[in-house]
């Protein structure tokens, strides 16, 4: 568990929660706890054990934690950002383009 401040000085905590699943790998995932927002999960960041999660969070920079916290806040539509404007769920696939990069 690690506490850090966002750009406005509000305190956030990055921690790991265990998913209730029969698999033994990747059961622990990243969760942010902030003022008034409750908990915001980032399930794509996973660890095998609580010890590994705690060690990783202790060594993460505040910059990296803020960056990831903004991603989950955008997904939850708590701040402006990369979430779709048309109201599509964040996990919706984007349409392929026919642009040629070459």
N, C-alpha and C. Protein backbone atom coordinates (compact mmCIF):
# COMPACT_ATOMS: atom_id res chain seq x y z
N UNK A 1 0.85 -1.17 0.00
CA UNK A 1 0.00 0.00 0.00
C UNK A 1 0.89 1.23 0.00
N UNK A 2 0.51 2.24 -0.84
CA UNK A 2 1.29 3.46 -0.90
C UNK A 2 0.35 4.65 -1.03
N UNK A 3 0.63 5.69 -0.24
CA UNK A 3 -0.16 6.91 -0.28
C UNK A 3 0.60 7.95 -1.10
N UNK A 4 -0.13 8.69 -1.93
CA UNK A 4 0.47 9.73 -2.75
C UNK A 4 -0.56 10.84 -2.94
N UNK A 5 -0.10 12.00 -3.38
CA UNK A 5 -0.98 13.15 -3.58
C UNK A 5 -1.16 13.41 -5.07
N UNK A 6 -2.39 13.80 -5.45
CA UNK A 6 -2.61 14.18 -6.84
C UNK A 6 -2.19 15.64 -7.03
N UNK A 7 -2.42 16.19 -8.22
CA UNK A 7 -1.98 17.55 -8.54
C UNK A 7 -2.63 18.61 -7.66
N UNK A 8 -3.81 18.33 -7.13
CA UNK A 8 -4.50 19.30 -6.28
C UNK A 8 -4.18 19.12 -4.80
N UNK A 9 -3.36 18.12 -4.49
CA UNK A 9 -2.96 17.87 -3.10
C UNK A 9 -3.83 16.86 -2.36
N UNK A 10 -4.86 16.33 -3.03
CA UNK A 10 -5.71 15.31 -2.40
C UNK A 10 -4.94 14.01 -2.24
N UNK A 11 -5.15 13.34 -1.13
CA UNK A 11 -4.44 12.08 -0.86
C UNK A 11 -5.16 10.89 -1.47
N UNK A 12 -4.40 10.03 -2.10
CA UNK A 12 -4.86 8.78 -2.69
C UNK A 12 -4.03 7.64 -2.12
N UNK A 13 -4.60 6.46 -2.13
CA UNK A 13 -3.88 5.27 -1.72
C UNK A 13 -3.94 4.25 -2.85
N UNK A 14 -2.79 3.73 -3.21
CA UNK A 14 -2.71 2.63 -4.17
C UNK A 14 -2.52 1.36 -3.36
N UNK A 15 -3.36 0.38 -3.61
CA UNK A 15 -3.29 -0.87 -2.87
C UNK A 15 -3.63 -2.02 -3.81
N UNK A 16 -3.65 -3.21 -3.29
CA UNK A 16 -4.00 -4.40 -4.08
C UNK A 16 -5.12 -5.15 -3.39
N UNK A 17 -6.07 -5.60 -4.20
CA UNK A 17 -7.15 -6.44 -3.70
C UNK A 17 -7.04 -7.82 -4.34
N UNK A 18 -7.52 -8.80 -3.61
CA UNK A 18 -7.49 -10.17 -4.12
C UNK A 18 -8.80 -10.50 -4.78
N UNK A 19 -8.71 -11.02 -6.00
CA UNK A 19 -9.90 -11.46 -6.73
C UNK A 19 -10.29 -12.85 -6.24
N UNK A 20 -11.58 -13.06 -6.04
CA UNK A 20 -12.08 -14.38 -5.62
C UNK A 20 -12.15 -15.26 -6.86
N UNK A 21 -11.10 -16.04 -7.07
CA UNK A 21 -11.03 -16.90 -8.25
C UNK A 21 -10.25 -18.17 -7.90
N UNK A 22 -10.54 -19.29 -8.54
CA UNK A 22 -9.82 -20.52 -8.24
C UNK A 22 -8.40 -20.55 -8.82
N UNK A 23 -8.08 -19.65 -9.76
CA UNK A 23 -6.74 -19.68 -10.33
C UNK A 23 -5.73 -19.15 -9.31
N UNK A 24 -4.51 -19.58 -9.42
CA UNK A 24 -3.49 -19.18 -8.45
C UNK A 24 -2.63 -18.03 -8.94
N UNK A 25 -2.65 -17.71 -10.23
CA UNK A 25 -1.81 -16.64 -10.74
C UNK A 25 -2.64 -15.39 -11.04
N UNK A 26 -2.04 -14.25 -10.81
CA UNK A 26 -2.69 -12.99 -11.12
C UNK A 26 -3.93 -12.70 -10.32
N UNK A 27 -3.98 -13.14 -9.08
CA UNK A 27 -5.18 -12.95 -8.26
C UNK A 27 -5.26 -11.55 -7.67
N UNK A 28 -4.14 -10.87 -7.53
CA UNK A 28 -4.09 -9.54 -6.90
C UNK A 28 -4.07 -8.48 -7.98
N UNK A 29 -4.87 -7.42 -7.81
CA UNK A 29 -4.95 -6.36 -8.82
C UNK A 29 -4.92 -4.99 -8.15
N UNK A 30 -4.55 -3.99 -8.94
CA UNK A 30 -4.36 -2.63 -8.46
C UNK A 30 -5.69 -1.93 -8.21
N UNK A 31 -5.77 -1.23 -7.07
CA UNK A 31 -6.96 -0.46 -6.70
C UNK A 31 -6.50 0.88 -6.14
N UNK A 32 -7.20 1.94 -6.55
CA UNK A 32 -6.95 3.28 -6.01
C UNK A 32 -8.10 3.66 -5.11
N UNK A 33 -7.77 4.21 -3.95
CA UNK A 33 -8.78 4.71 -3.01
C UNK A 33 -8.52 6.20 -2.85
N UNK A 34 -9.56 6.99 -3.15
CA UNK A 34 -9.37 8.44 -3.09
C UNK A 34 -10.50 9.13 -2.36
N UNK A 35 -10.38 10.43 -2.23
CA UNK A 35 -11.39 11.21 -1.52
C UNK A 35 -12.69 11.27 -2.31
N UNK A 36 -13.76 10.71 -1.76
CA UNK A 36 -15.08 10.81 -2.37
C UNK A 36 -15.36 9.90 -3.54
N UNK A 37 -14.37 9.24 -4.11
CA UNK A 37 -14.60 8.39 -5.28
C UNK A 37 -14.75 6.92 -4.93
N UNK A 38 -14.58 6.58 -3.69
CA UNK A 38 -14.62 5.17 -3.33
C UNK A 38 -13.39 4.48 -3.86
N UNK A 39 -13.56 3.31 -4.41
CA UNK A 39 -12.44 2.55 -4.96
C UNK A 39 -12.54 2.48 -6.47
N UNK A 40 -11.40 2.64 -7.11
CA UNK A 40 -11.32 2.56 -8.56
C UNK A 40 -10.30 1.48 -8.91
N UNK A 41 -10.77 0.41 -9.54
CA UNK A 41 -9.91 -0.73 -9.84
C UNK A 41 -9.25 -0.57 -11.20
N UNK A 42 -8.04 -1.10 -11.30
CA UNK A 42 -7.31 -1.21 -12.56
C UNK A 42 -6.93 -2.69 -12.72
N UNK A 43 -7.89 -3.50 -13.17
CA UNK A 43 -7.69 -4.96 -13.16
C UNK A 43 -6.64 -5.48 -14.13
N UNK A 44 -6.17 -4.67 -15.06
CA UNK A 44 -5.13 -5.15 -15.97
C UNK A 44 -3.74 -5.16 -15.32
N UNK A 45 -3.59 -4.50 -14.17
CA UNK A 45 -2.34 -4.54 -13.42
C UNK A 45 -2.50 -5.60 -12.33
N UNK A 46 -1.77 -6.71 -12.47
CA UNK A 46 -1.97 -7.87 -11.59
C UNK A 46 -0.65 -8.40 -11.05
N UNK A 47 -0.78 -9.07 -9.90
CA UNK A 47 0.36 -9.71 -9.26
C UNK A 47 -0.05 -11.08 -8.78
N UNK A 48 0.94 -11.95 -8.58
CA UNK A 48 0.66 -13.30 -8.10
C UNK A 48 0.45 -13.34 -6.60
N UNK A 49 1.17 -12.50 -5.86
CA UNK A 49 1.06 -12.52 -4.40
C UNK A 49 0.89 -11.11 -3.85
N UNK A 50 0.39 -11.03 -2.65
CA UNK A 50 0.25 -9.73 -1.99
C UNK A 50 1.63 -9.11 -1.75
N UNK A 51 2.61 -9.93 -1.41
CA UNK A 51 3.95 -9.44 -1.16
C UNK A 51 4.54 -8.77 -2.40
N UNK A 52 4.34 -9.40 -3.55
CA UNK A 52 4.82 -8.81 -4.80
C UNK A 52 4.11 -7.49 -5.09
N UNK A 53 2.82 -7.46 -4.86
CA UNK A 53 2.06 -6.22 -5.08
C UNK A 53 2.57 -5.11 -4.18
N UNK A 54 2.76 -5.40 -2.91
CA UNK A 54 3.24 -4.39 -1.96
C UNK A 54 4.63 -3.89 -2.33
N UNK A 55 5.52 -4.80 -2.72
CA UNK A 55 6.87 -4.40 -3.11
C UNK A 55 6.84 -3.51 -4.35
N UNK A 56 6.03 -3.88 -5.33
CA UNK A 56 5.92 -3.09 -6.55
C UNK A 56 5.36 -1.71 -6.26
N UNK A 57 4.29 -1.64 -5.48
CA UNK A 57 3.69 -0.35 -5.16
C UNK A 57 4.65 0.55 -4.38
N UNK A 58 5.42 -0.03 -3.48
CA UNK A 58 6.41 0.76 -2.72
C UNK A 58 7.44 1.40 -3.62
N UNK A 59 7.79 0.72 -4.71
CA UNK A 59 8.85 1.22 -5.59
C UNK A 59 8.33 2.07 -6.74
N UNK A 60 7.01 2.13 -6.94
CA UNK A 60 6.46 2.95 -8.02
C UNK A 60 6.56 4.42 -7.68
N UNK A 61 6.88 5.23 -8.67
CA UNK A 61 6.98 6.67 -8.45
C UNK A 61 5.57 7.27 -8.31
N UNK A 62 5.49 8.41 -7.65
CA UNK A 62 4.21 9.11 -7.53
C UNK A 62 3.70 9.51 -8.91
N UNK A 63 4.61 9.88 -9.82
CA UNK A 63 4.23 10.23 -11.18
C UNK A 63 3.49 9.07 -11.85
N UNK A 64 4.05 7.86 -11.74
CA UNK A 64 3.43 6.68 -12.37
C UNK A 64 2.09 6.36 -11.72
N UNK A 65 2.00 6.48 -10.41
CA UNK A 65 0.73 6.22 -9.73
C UNK A 65 -0.33 7.24 -10.15
N UNK A 66 0.05 8.51 -10.25
CA UNK A 66 -0.90 9.55 -10.71
C UNK A 66 -1.36 9.28 -12.13
N UNK A 67 -0.43 8.86 -13.00
CA UNK A 67 -0.77 8.56 -14.39
C UNK A 67 -1.81 7.45 -14.47
N UNK A 68 -1.60 6.38 -13.72
CA UNK A 68 -2.54 5.27 -13.72
C UNK A 68 -3.86 5.65 -13.06
N UNK A 69 -3.80 6.47 -12.00
CA UNK A 69 -5.01 6.92 -11.33
C UNK A 69 -5.88 7.75 -12.28
N UNK A 70 -5.25 8.59 -13.10
CA UNK A 70 -6.01 9.38 -14.07
C UNK A 70 -6.69 8.48 -15.09
N UNK A 71 -6.04 7.41 -15.49
CA UNK A 71 -6.63 6.47 -16.45
C UNK A 71 -7.92 5.88 -15.88
N UNK A 72 -7.89 5.41 -14.63
CA UNK A 72 -9.10 4.80 -14.07
C UNK A 72 -10.17 5.85 -13.79
N UNK A 73 -9.79 7.08 -13.47
CA UNK A 73 -10.77 8.15 -13.29
C UNK A 73 -11.44 8.50 -14.61
N UNK A 74 -10.68 8.49 -15.70
CA UNK A 74 -11.26 8.74 -17.02
C UNK A 74 -12.22 7.62 -17.40
N UNK A 75 -11.84 6.38 -17.14
CA UNK A 75 -12.73 5.25 -17.44
C UNK A 75 -14.05 5.37 -16.68
N UNK A 76 -13.96 5.81 -15.44
CA UNK A 76 -15.16 5.94 -14.60
C UNK A 76 -15.91 7.23 -14.89
N UNK A 77 -15.41 8.00 -15.83
CA UNK A 77 -15.99 9.28 -16.24
C UNK A 77 -16.05 10.28 -15.09
N UNK A 78 -15.02 10.25 -14.25
CA UNK A 78 -14.92 11.19 -13.14
C UNK A 78 -14.08 12.40 -13.53
N UNK A 79 -13.40 12.32 -14.67
CA UNK A 79 -12.66 13.45 -15.20
C UNK A 79 -12.57 13.32 -16.71
N UNK A 80 -12.32 14.44 -17.37
CA UNK A 80 -12.19 14.46 -18.83
C UNK A 80 -10.98 13.65 -19.24
N UNK A 81 -11.10 12.99 -20.37
CA UNK A 81 -9.95 12.23 -20.83
C UNK A 81 -10.28 11.36 -22.01
N UNK A 82 -9.69 10.20 -22.03
CA UNK A 82 -9.75 9.32 -23.18
C UNK A 82 -11.03 8.51 -23.30
N UNK A 83 -11.96 8.65 -22.37
CA UNK A 83 -13.21 7.89 -22.46
C UNK A 83 -14.01 8.33 -23.68
N UNK A 84 -14.74 7.43 -24.29
CA UNK A 84 -15.50 7.77 -25.49
C UNK A 84 -16.53 8.87 -25.22
N UNK A 85 -16.63 9.80 -26.17
CA UNK A 85 -17.56 10.93 -26.04
C UNK A 85 -19.01 10.47 -26.23
N UNK A 86 -19.22 9.47 -27.09
CA UNK A 86 -20.58 9.06 -27.42
C UNK A 86 -21.23 8.15 -26.39
N UNK A 87 -20.57 7.90 -25.28
CA UNK A 87 -21.16 7.11 -24.22
C UNK A 87 -20.94 5.62 -24.34
N UNK A 88 -20.15 5.18 -25.32
CA UNK A 88 -19.85 3.75 -25.44
C UNK A 88 -19.05 3.31 -24.23
N UNK A 89 -19.24 2.08 -23.79
CA UNK A 89 -18.47 1.61 -22.64
C UNK A 89 -16.98 1.61 -22.97
N UNK A 90 -16.13 1.88 -21.98
CA UNK A 90 -14.68 1.95 -22.24
C UNK A 90 -14.10 0.69 -22.86
N UNK A 91 -14.70 -0.47 -22.61
CA UNK A 91 -14.15 -1.71 -23.16
C UNK A 91 -14.59 -1.98 -24.60
N UNK A 92 -15.43 -1.09 -25.16
CA UNK A 92 -15.89 -1.27 -26.54
C UNK A 92 -14.71 -1.18 -27.50
N UNK A 93 -14.72 -2.03 -28.51
CA UNK A 93 -13.64 -2.03 -29.49
C UNK A 93 -13.81 -0.85 -30.44
N UNK A 94 -12.71 -0.27 -30.81
CA UNK A 94 -12.74 0.83 -31.79
C UNK A 94 -12.77 0.22 -33.18
N UNK A 95 -13.42 0.95 -34.08
CA UNK A 95 -13.48 0.50 -35.46
C UNK A 95 -12.10 0.64 -36.10
N UNK A 96 -11.76 -0.30 -36.96
CA UNK A 96 -10.48 -0.24 -37.66
C UNK A 96 -10.52 0.87 -38.70
N UNK A 97 -9.39 1.47 -38.93
CA UNK A 97 -9.29 2.50 -39.96
C UNK A 97 -8.61 1.91 -41.18
N UNK A 98 -8.78 2.57 -42.31
CA UNK A 98 -8.13 2.09 -43.52
C UNK A 98 -6.91 2.95 -43.86
N UNK A 99 -6.42 3.70 -42.89
CA UNK A 99 -5.26 4.55 -43.12
C UNK A 99 -4.01 3.70 -43.31
N UNK A 100 -3.18 4.12 -44.24
CA UNK A 100 -1.92 3.43 -44.49
C UNK A 100 -0.80 4.26 -43.89
N UNK A 101 -0.08 3.68 -42.96
CA UNK A 101 1.00 4.42 -42.29
C UNK A 101 2.23 4.52 -43.16
N UNK A 102 2.30 3.79 -44.27
CA UNK A 102 3.51 3.79 -45.08
C UNK A 102 3.39 4.66 -46.21
